[in-house]
């Protein structure tokens, strides 16, 4: 069972450090920025400890009377037995105690800390692995800007202004937008930008068309994830890792606009209007799409609608299924000596009565790899038309289908439809036609 991370106000609180060596020095350096009044008791005290400001130094061994009035104790002597005796006395008196390198004797643990001004992030593995806690600490520190503390000070200075000028029901959205605006454009904000956020003027918000990648949640780009983690609303649909919307802040709106059981929850026009509306509320909106927004994701339609409405927007690319799904099955879409290019085709179009693309002769003449998206239900007809347009029946073909763990079915144009039926290939599926479709590099699906 882990330790609950209480955050305690140590300003002016009396604490005792029993020990004057390197372990005590490390504890002191972590505690002092939080303002406690610390007493160090040890027969010998390092010069580095003596140089620290604001300490009371007692150059003698610990005695129980030193516990009087103390709010917490660190037992960091050179003797494990002495540390245990101190810890036992503290537990008897209800004083929180940390015994160095002896978890069983502790009533609280020291976390690995990341500090940026008023921001403190504490990491604990409940004593299981300090090295693991340190690894998480450094990874966390890398993700937090060095000037984050100054950003917090600036945002805190704006709180009275927000309370004065913004109705209570809009404050949460405004605070979120202020934070995003400062991260995106720096701080302090220019007067015009600050006024736009406070007043929620049209265009004050911004929409990011973010590709979530294909398959696992960690295939989203770092930029996409960071935008998601600080957005005011996330608008998402299917074909993305289900845990990704949970990366949005706790107070962010989560709006599903995908397809369930063959029915869209919203039309494209309604989605466009939703994005505009949320941006006009002053929110940073992440429009999260599986794959890439501009590869048969209708991201272009959303961008045009936002542009016409005067809403700021930005495109954040994602890993498209046209490349990732075949690659995950060991099929490269290009390969020297086999395919010098590839062509991505939608198998669903409103431009023909059958819903299939036209100009099959042109497709059949193209050099390289053909990649069809959204075409499993029309696989047999696709193969028939490509062969009718001149591609040999022996042309390698593959179908990679299924949402969670895509499976590859390999064959030729002449038999791929039958093989896919026998294998019970599932949607969503990617169809690959050309020389590379016969390759198997032994990769794992994304």
Protein backbone atom coordinates (compact mmCIF):
# COMPACT_ATOMS: atom_id res chain seq x y z
CA UNK A 1 0.00 0.00 0.00
CA UNK A 2 1.38 3.42 -0.94
CA UNK A 3 1.64 6.59 1.14
CA UNK A 4 -0.94 9.34 0.79
CA UNK A 5 0.80 12.57 -0.36
CA UNK A 6 -0.29 15.15 2.22
CA UNK A 7 1.08 18.64 1.51
CA UNK A 8 1.92 20.23 4.85
CA UNK A 9 2.54 23.87 5.69
CA UNK A 10 5.98 23.90 7.34
CA UNK A 11 6.35 27.69 7.57
CA UNK A 12 7.57 28.43 11.12
CA UNK A 13 7.05 24.84 12.32
CA UNK A 14 9.63 23.46 14.76
CA UNK A 15 11.56 20.44 13.49
CA UNK A 16 14.49 18.39 14.80
CA UNK A 17 17.25 16.79 12.73
CA UNK A 18 19.13 14.24 14.82
CA UNK A 19 22.42 13.86 12.97
CA UNK A 20 25.01 16.12 11.39
CA UNK A 21 26.33 14.14 8.43
CA UNK A 22 25.66 13.87 4.69
CA UNK A 23 22.19 12.32 5.11
CA UNK A 24 21.12 15.14 7.42
CA UNK A 25 22.50 17.68 4.94
CA UNK A 26 20.38 16.24 2.13
CA UNK A 27 17.23 16.39 4.25
CA UNK A 28 17.95 19.96 5.32
CA UNK A 29 18.44 21.19 1.79
CA UNK A 30 15.04 19.82 0.82
CA UNK A 31 13.27 21.22 3.88
CA UNK A 32 14.67 24.74 4.13
CA UNK A 33 12.90 26.25 1.07
CA UNK A 34 9.60 25.57 2.88
CA UNK A 35 10.40 27.76 5.88
CA UNK A 36 10.53 25.48 8.96
CA UNK A 37 12.49 26.36 12.12
CA UNK A 38 15.04 23.56 12.35
CA UNK A 39 17.29 22.36 15.13
CA UNK A 40 20.26 20.13 14.29
CA UNK A 41 21.61 17.95 17.11
CA UNK A 42 24.83 15.94 16.70
CA UNK A 43 28.26 15.72 18.36
CA UNK A 44 29.87 16.53 14.98
CA UNK A 45 28.25 18.72 12.33
CA UNK A 46 29.45 19.12 8.75
CA UNK A 47 30.70 22.59 7.75
CA UNK A 48 28.13 22.58 4.90
CA UNK A 49 25.36 22.30 7.52
CA UNK A 50 26.91 25.05 9.62
CA UNK A 51 26.81 27.32 6.56
CA UNK A 52 23.08 26.89 6.03
CA UNK A 53 21.01 29.88 7.21
CA UNK A 54 18.49 29.94 10.07
CA UNK A 55 19.47 26.72 11.88
CA UNK A 56 19.82 26.11 15.60
CA UNK A 57 22.89 23.92 16.13
CA UNK A 58 23.30 21.69 19.22
CA UNK A 59 26.71 20.01 19.26
CA UNK A 60 25.74 17.07 21.41
CA UNK A 61 24.05 13.68 21.06
CA UNK A 62 20.28 13.35 21.01
CA UNK A 63 18.40 13.27 24.30
CA UNK A 64 14.61 12.79 24.65
CA UNK A 65 14.15 16.31 26.02
CA UNK A 66 14.97 17.62 22.53
CA UNK A 67 11.58 16.38 21.32
CA UNK A 68 9.73 18.97 23.37
CA UNK A 69 7.64 21.22 21.09
CA UNK A 70 8.79 19.58 17.89
CA UNK A 71 6.26 19.08 15.07
CA UNK A 72 8.37 16.57 13.15
CA UNK A 73 11.69 14.75 13.54
CA UNK A 74 14.33 13.36 11.18
CA UNK A 75 16.44 10.56 12.68
CA UNK A 76 19.63 10.68 10.60
CA UNK A 77 22.44 9.69 12.97
CA UNK A 78 25.21 7.27 11.97
CA UNK A 79 23.68 4.59 14.24
CA UNK A 80 20.74 2.52 13.01
CA UNK A 81 19.92 1.57 16.61
CA UNK A 82 19.92 5.20 17.73
CA UNK A 83 17.63 6.12 14.83
CA UNK A 84 15.23 3.37 15.84
CA UNK A 85 15.17 4.53 19.45
CA UNK A 86 14.41 8.10 18.34
CA UNK A 87 11.67 6.84 16.01
CA UNK A 88 10.10 4.76 18.79
CA UNK A 89 10.01 7.78 21.13
CA UNK A 90 8.38 9.89 18.40
CA UNK A 91 5.71 7.29 17.69
CA UNK A 92 4.89 7.09 21.40
CA UNK A 93 4.41 10.87 21.51
CA UNK A 94 2.56 11.14 18.19
CA UNK A 95 5.34 13.12 16.50
CA UNK A 96 5.79 12.42 12.77
CA UNK A 97 9.21 10.88 12.24
CA UNK A 98 11.42 9.87 9.35
CA UNK A 99 14.20 7.39 10.11
CA UNK A 100 16.87 7.45 7.40
CA UNK A 101 16.98 4.30 5.27
CA UNK A 102 14.59 2.44 7.57
CA UNK A 103 11.08 2.55 6.10
CA UNK A 104 9.51 0.37 8.81
CA UNK A 105 10.39 2.95 11.46
CA UNK A 106 8.98 5.92 9.52
CA UNK A 107 5.59 7.53 9.87
CA UNK A 108 6.32 9.70 6.82
CA UNK A 109 8.69 9.41 3.87
CA UNK A 110 10.69 12.02 1.98
CA UNK A 111 9.51 12.18 -1.63
CA UNK A 112 11.68 12.97 -4.61
CA UNK A 113 10.85 16.64 -5.20
CA UNK A 114 10.47 18.89 -8.22
CA UNK A 115 10.06 22.53 -7.20
CA UNK A 116 9.26 25.50 -9.43
CA UNK A 117 8.28 28.43 -7.24
CA UNK A 118 4.98 27.57 -5.55
CA UNK A 119 4.70 24.36 -7.56
CA UNK A 120 5.89 21.27 -5.73
CA UNK A 121 5.68 17.80 -7.22
CA UNK A 122 6.43 14.94 -4.85
CA UNK A 123 7.22 11.41 -6.06
CA UNK A 124 7.19 8.35 -3.82
CA UNK A 125 7.41 4.62 -4.44
CA UNK A 126 6.56 3.89 -0.77
CA UNK A 127 10.21 2.99 -0.26
CA UNK A 128 10.21 0.28 -2.92
CA UNK A 129 12.77 1.96 -5.17
CA UNK A 130 14.34 5.39 -4.58
CA UNK A 131 15.98 5.02 -7.99
CA UNK A 132 12.57 4.67 -9.64
CA UNK A 133 11.31 7.73 -7.76
CA UNK A 134 14.37 9.69 -8.92
CA UNK A 135 13.74 8.61 -12.53
CA UNK A 136 10.15 9.86 -12.38
CA UNK A 137 11.34 13.07 -10.73
CA UNK A 138 13.79 13.88 -13.53
CA UNK A 139 11.31 13.00 -16.25
CA UNK A 140 8.80 15.30 -14.56
CA UNK A 141 11.35 18.09 -14.17
CA UNK A 142 12.15 17.92 -17.88
CA UNK A 143 8.49 18.49 -18.74
CA UNK A 144 8.05 21.59 -16.54
CA UNK A 145 9.50 24.91 -17.79
CA UNK A 146 12.18 26.48 -15.59
CA UNK A 147 10.15 29.71 -15.31
CA UNK A 148 7.00 27.89 -14.20
CA UNK A 149 7.21 29.43 -10.72
CA UNK A 150 7.23 32.92 -12.23
CA UNK A 151 4.26 31.96 -14.39
CA UNK A 152 2.36 30.93 -11.25
CA UNK A 153 3.20 34.24 -9.59
CA UNK A 154 1.90 36.12 -12.63
CA UNK A 155 -1.32 34.08 -12.75
CA UNK A 156 -1.84 34.64 -9.03
CA UNK A 157 -1.48 38.39 -9.59
CA UNK A 158 -4.33 38.23 -12.13
CA UNK A 159 -6.83 36.53 -9.81
CA UNK A 160 -8.21 39.79 -8.29
CA UNK A 161 -8.67 41.22 -11.79
CA UNK A 162 -10.54 38.08 -12.92
CA UNK A 163 -12.84 38.22 -9.87
CA UNK A 164 -13.55 41.87 -10.57
CA UNK A 165 -14.28 41.62 -14.32
CA UNK A 166 -15.50 38.07 -14.98
CA UNK A 167 -18.84 36.57 -13.85
CA UNK A 168 -18.41 33.59 -11.53
CA UNK A 169 -19.82 31.07 -14.04
CA UNK A 170 -17.09 32.01 -16.56
CA UNK A 171 -14.10 32.21 -14.25
CA UNK A 172 -12.99 28.60 -14.55
CA UNK A 173 -12.82 28.87 -18.35
CA UNK A 174 -10.98 32.20 -18.12
CA UNK A 175 -8.39 30.88 -15.67
CA UNK A 176 -7.81 27.89 -17.98
CA UNK A 177 -7.43 30.15 -21.00
CA UNK A 178 -5.03 32.49 -19.18
CA UNK A 179 -2.81 29.56 -18.28
CA UNK A 180 -2.85 28.24 -21.87
CA UNK A 181 -2.22 31.70 -23.34
CA UNK A 182 0.83 32.19 -21.11
CA UNK A 183 2.26 28.77 -21.93
CA UNK A 184 1.71 29.27 -25.65
CA UNK A 185 2.78 32.89 -26.07
CA UNK A 186 4.77 33.77 -22.96
CA UNK A 187 3.98 36.21 -20.18
CA UNK A 188 3.08 38.81 -19.13
CA UNK A 189 0.27 39.02 -21.67
CA UNK A 190 -0.11 42.12 -23.77
CA UNK A 191 -3.03 44.31 -22.75
CA UNK A 192 -5.09 43.43 -25.84
CA UNK A 193 -4.59 39.71 -25.36
CA UNK A 194 -5.43 39.89 -21.67
CA UNK A 195 -8.61 41.86 -22.38
CA UNK A 196 -9.69 39.38 -25.05
CA UNK A 197 -9.36 36.48 -22.62
CA UNK A 198 -11.14 38.29 -19.77
CA UNK A 199 -14.04 39.44 -21.93
CA UNK A 200 -14.36 36.15 -23.81
CA UNK A 201 -14.43 38.00 -27.12
CA UNK A 202 -14.96 36.07 -30.35
CA UNK A 203 -11.70 34.45 -31.30
CA UNK A 204 -10.27 34.70 -27.79
CA UNK A 205 -10.05 30.94 -27.68
CA UNK A 206 -8.12 28.71 -30.03
CA UNK A 207 -8.73 25.32 -31.60
CA UNK A 208 -5.98 22.77 -32.14
CA UNK A 209 -6.64 20.05 -34.71
CA UNK A 210 -4.58 17.29 -33.11
CA UNK A 211 -3.76 13.90 -34.56
CA UNK A 212 -3.85 11.25 -31.85
CA UNK A 213 -1.77 8.80 -33.85
CA UNK A 214 -2.71 5.26 -34.67
CA UNK A 215 -3.17 2.63 -31.97
CA UNK A 216 -1.39 3.02 -28.63
CA UNK A 217 -1.86 6.20 -26.61
CA UNK A 218 1.86 6.99 -26.60
CA UNK A 219 1.90 7.41 -30.38
CA UNK A 220 0.45 10.91 -29.98
CA UNK A 221 3.10 13.59 -30.50
CA UNK A 222 4.63 15.30 -27.49
CA UNK A 223 3.17 18.62 -28.66
CA UNK A 224 -0.28 17.08 -29.02
CA UNK A 225 -0.11 15.58 -25.53
CA UNK A 226 1.00 18.84 -23.93
CA UNK A 227 -1.87 20.71 -25.59
CA UNK A 228 -4.29 18.04 -24.41
CA UNK A 229 -2.98 18.27 -20.85
CA UNK A 230 -3.79 21.98 -20.60
CA UNK A 231 -6.91 22.38 -22.76
CA UNK A 232 -10.28 23.68 -21.61
CA UNK A 233 -12.24 21.28 -23.81
CA UNK A 234 -11.45 18.16 -25.80
CA UNK A 235 -13.71 17.15 -28.70
CA UNK A 236 -12.96 13.58 -29.75
CA UNK A 237 -14.25 10.65 -31.74
CA UNK A 238 -13.42 7.01 -32.42
CA UNK A 239 -10.25 5.29 -33.60
CA UNK A 240 -8.04 6.64 -30.85
CA UNK A 241 -6.77 5.16 -27.60
CA UNK A 242 -9.67 5.41 -25.10
CA UNK A 243 -7.43 6.72 -22.29
CA UNK A 244 -6.26 9.76 -24.25
CA UNK A 245 -9.23 12.05 -23.39
CA UNK A 246 -8.46 11.38 -19.72
CA UNK A 247 -5.18 13.27 -20.17
CA UNK A 248 -7.18 16.51 -20.31
CA UNK A 249 -7.35 18.51 -17.04
CA UNK A 250 -9.93 17.43 -14.48
CA UNK A 251 -12.12 20.47 -15.14
CA UNK A 252 -11.96 20.29 -18.93
CA UNK A 253 -15.06 19.46 -20.96
CA UNK A 254 -14.93 16.09 -22.72
CA UNK A 255 -17.27 15.94 -25.69
CA UNK A 256 -17.66 12.76 -27.73
CA UNK A 257 -18.68 13.33 -31.35
CA UNK A 258 -17.82 9.97 -32.92
CA UNK A 259 -19.82 7.08 -34.26
CA UNK A 260 -21.59 4.38 -32.26
CA UNK A 261 -23.35 1.42 -33.82
CA UNK A 262 -23.20 2.93 -37.26
CA UNK A 263 -24.71 6.30 -36.27
CA UNK A 264 -22.90 9.61 -35.93
CA UNK A 265 -23.52 11.41 -32.66
CA UNK A 266 -23.10 14.72 -34.55
CA UNK A 267 -23.02 15.80 -38.17
CA UNK A 268 -19.89 17.49 -39.45
CA UNK A 269 -21.71 20.83 -39.52
CA UNK A 270 -22.68 20.40 -35.86
CA UNK A 271 -19.07 19.57 -34.95
CA UNK A 272 -17.86 22.69 -36.74
CA UNK A 273 -20.39 24.81 -34.83
CA UNK A 274 -19.36 23.18 -31.54
CA UNK A 275 -15.69 24.00 -32.08
CA UNK A 276 -16.55 27.61 -32.87
CA UNK A 277 -18.82 27.90 -29.84
CA UNK A 278 -16.27 26.52 -27.39
CA UNK A 279 -13.53 28.76 -28.77
CA UNK A 280 -15.81 31.78 -28.38
CA UNK A 281 -16.19 30.88 -24.73
CA UNK A 282 -12.47 31.66 -24.50
CA UNK A 283 -11.37 28.03 -24.22
CA UNK A 284 -8.40 26.26 -25.64
CA UNK A 285 -10.03 23.43 -27.58
CA UNK A 286 -8.30 20.24 -28.67
CA UNK A 287 -10.07 18.53 -31.56
CA UNK A 288 -8.64 15.06 -31.12
CA UNK A 289 -8.73 12.72 -34.11
CA UNK A 290 -7.35 9.24 -34.68
CA UNK A 291 -4.43 9.18 -37.09
CA UNK A 292 -3.82 12.55 -38.76
CA UNK A 293 -6.54 15.24 -39.06
CA UNK A 294 -5.68 15.97 -42.69
CA UNK A 295 -5.58 12.37 -43.93
CA UNK A 296 -9.25 11.59 -44.56
CA UNK A 297 -10.03 13.06 -41.14
CA UNK A 298 -12.13 16.01 -42.39
CA UNK A 299 -9.75 18.30 -40.57
CA UNK A 300 -9.66 20.57 -43.60
CA UNK A 301 -13.42 21.15 -43.38
CA UNK A 302 -13.10 22.08 -39.71
CA UNK A 303 -10.18 24.40 -40.45
CA UNK A 304 -12.19 26.21 -43.15
CA UNK A 305 -15.17 26.62 -40.79
CA UNK A 306 -12.93 28.01 -38.03
CA UNK A 307 -11.22 30.35 -40.45
CA UNK A 308 -14.55 31.66 -41.75
CA UNK A 309 -15.67 32.32 -38.16
CA UNK A 310 -12.49 34.20 -37.30
CA UNK A 311 -11.30 31.56 -34.82
CA UNK A 312 -7.58 30.98 -34.37
CA UNK A 313 -6.60 27.38 -35.11
CA UNK A 314 -3.50 25.26 -35.50
CA UNK A 315 -2.75 21.88 -37.03
CA UNK A 316 -0.79 19.30 -35.02
CA UNK A 317 0.08 16.27 -37.16
CA UNK A 318 -0.42 12.69 -36.08
CA UNK A 319 0.83 9.27 -37.16
CA UNK A 320 -1.51 8.23 -39.97
CA UNK A 321 -2.88 4.70 -40.18
CA UNK A 322 -1.94 4.66 -43.87
CA UNK A 323 1.69 4.26 -42.81
CA UNK A 324 1.56 3.02 -39.21
CA UNK A 325 -0.82 0.08 -39.61
CA UNK A 326 1.02 -1.56 -42.53
CA UNK A 327 4.34 -0.78 -40.85
CA UNK A 328 3.16 -2.41 -37.64
CA UNK A 329 2.46 -5.56 -39.64
CA UNK A 330 5.93 -5.55 -41.16
CA UNK A 331 4.84 -3.96 -44.45
CA UNK A 332 6.73 -0.80 -45.43
CA UNK A 333 4.83 1.43 -47.83
CA UNK A 334 8.13 2.21 -49.61
CA UNK A 335 11.18 -0.01 -50.03
CA UNK A 336 14.17 0.38 -52.29
CA UNK A 337 13.89 -1.82 -55.34
CA UNK A 338 10.23 -2.61 -54.62
CA UNK A 339 8.27 0.63 -54.21
CA UNK A 340 9.53 4.17 -54.72
CA UNK A 341 6.30 5.83 -53.57
CA UNK A 342 2.83 5.23 -52.19
CA UNK A 343 -0.68 6.54 -52.79
CA UNK A 344 -3.38 6.80 -50.14
CA UNK A 345 -6.96 6.34 -51.39
CA UNK A 346 -10.26 6.45 -49.55
CA UNK A 347 -12.53 3.55 -50.36
CA UNK A 348 -15.56 5.63 -49.40
CA UNK A 349 -16.51 8.59 -51.52
CA UNK A 350 -19.67 10.52 -52.29
CA UNK A 351 -18.49 11.11 -55.87
CA UNK A 352 -19.79 7.83 -57.30
CA UNK A 353 -23.06 5.85 -56.95
CA UNK A 354 -21.28 2.82 -55.44
CA UNK A 355 -19.36 4.94 -52.95
CA UNK A 356 -16.08 3.69 -54.47
CA UNK A 357 -13.40 5.81 -56.09
CA UNK A 358 -13.44 6.22 -59.87
CA UNK A 359 -10.60 6.16 -62.43
CA UNK A 360 -9.44 2.66 -61.67
CA UNK A 361 -7.26 2.61 -64.78
CA UNK A 362 -5.28 5.54 -63.40
CA UNK A 363 -4.88 3.82 -60.03
CA UNK A 364 -3.72 0.61 -61.71
CA UNK A 365 -1.05 2.52 -63.69
CA UNK A 366 0.45 4.21 -60.65
CA UNK A 367 3.90 3.01 -59.63
CA UNK A 368 4.47 2.02 -56.02
CA UNK A 369 2.10 0.99 -53.24
CA UNK A 370 -1.65 1.59 -53.09
CA UNK A 371 -3.10 2.06 -49.61
CA UNK A 372 -6.88 1.99 -49.24
CA UNK A 373 -8.56 3.23 -46.06
CA UNK A 374 -12.08 2.36 -44.91
CA UNK A 375 -12.57 -0.32 -47.56
CA UNK A 376 -13.00 -3.72 -45.91
CA UNK A 377 -16.67 -4.07 -46.83
CA UNK A 378 -15.76 -3.34 -50.48
CA UNK A 379 -12.58 -5.44 -50.59
CA UNK A 380 -13.81 -7.88 -53.21
CA UNK A 381 -14.99 -5.11 -55.51
CA UNK A 382 -11.75 -3.16 -55.06
CA UNK A 383 -9.70 -6.20 -56.05
CA UNK A 384 -11.99 -6.95 -59.00
CA UNK A 385 -11.79 -3.41 -60.37
CA UNK A 386 -8.01 -3.18 -60.01
CA UNK A 387 -7.61 -6.45 -61.89
CA UNK A 388 -10.09 -5.27 -64.51
CA UNK A 389 -8.00 -2.13 -64.92
CA UNK A 390 -4.88 -4.15 -65.67
CA UNK A 391 -3.20 -5.20 -62.42
CA UNK A 392 -2.24 -8.91 -62.51
CA UNK A 393 -4.16 -11.23 -60.13
CA UNK A 394 -0.81 -12.29 -58.63
CA UNK A 395 -0.12 -8.72 -57.37
CA UNK A 396 0.61 -8.95 -53.62
CA UNK A 397 -2.16 -7.62 -51.38
CA UNK A 398 -2.73 -7.48 -47.65
CA UNK A 399 -5.45 -6.50 -45.19
CA UNK A 400 -4.55 -5.33 -41.69
CA UNK A 401 -7.70 -5.08 -39.58
CA UNK A 402 -8.94 -4.76 -36.00
CA UNK A 403 -8.94 -1.88 -33.51
CA UNK A 404 -6.94 -3.09 -30.52
CA UNK A 405 -4.52 -5.63 -32.00
CA UNK A 406 -4.63 -5.44 -35.82
CA UNK A 407 -4.02 -8.74 -37.60
CA UNK A 408 -2.51 -9.01 -41.08
CA UNK A 409 -3.98 -11.21 -43.81
CA UNK A 410 -1.68 -11.62 -46.82
CA UNK A 411 -2.48 -12.83 -50.30
CA UNK A 412 -2.84 -11.57 -53.85
CA UNK A 413 -5.45 -9.49 -55.62
CA UNK A 414 -6.88 -12.76 -56.90
CA UNK A 415 -7.54 -14.27 -53.46
CA UNK A 416 -7.28 -11.52 -50.81
CA UNK A 417 -11.06 -11.07 -50.44
CA UNK A 418 -11.57 -14.79 -49.77
CA UNK A 419 -8.61 -14.93 -47.38
CA UNK A 420 -9.91 -11.91 -45.45
CA UNK A 421 -13.36 -13.53 -45.12
CA UNK A 422 -11.85 -16.79 -43.89
CA UNK A 423 -9.70 -14.93 -41.36
CA UNK A 424 -12.69 -12.82 -40.26
CA UNK A 425 -10.80 -9.59 -40.75
CA UNK A 426 -12.27 -6.75 -38.70
CA UNK A 427 -12.70 -3.03 -39.13
CA UNK A 428 -11.05 -0.60 -39.06
CA UNK A 429 -8.87 -2.04 -41.79
CA UNK A 430 -6.13 -0.88 -44.10
CA UNK A 431 -5.74 -2.52 -47.53
CA UNK A 432 -2.29 -2.56 -49.13
CA UNK A 433 -1.72 -3.46 -52.79
CA UNK A 434 1.70 -3.72 -54.44
CA UNK A 435 5.07 -5.36 -54.04
CA UNK A 436 5.64 -4.38 -50.43
CA UNK A 437 2.34 -6.05 -49.42
CA UNK A 438 4.16 -9.38 -49.80
CA UNK A 439 6.86 -8.36 -47.32
CA UNK A 440 6.95 -9.35 -43.65
CA UNK A 441 9.61 -7.55 -41.63
CA UNK A 442 8.43 -9.14 -38.41
CA UNK A 443 7.31 -5.87 -36.78
CA UNK A 444 4.72 -5.61 -34.04
CA UNK A 445 1.41 -3.82 -34.53
CA UNK A 446 1.29 -0.31 -33.00
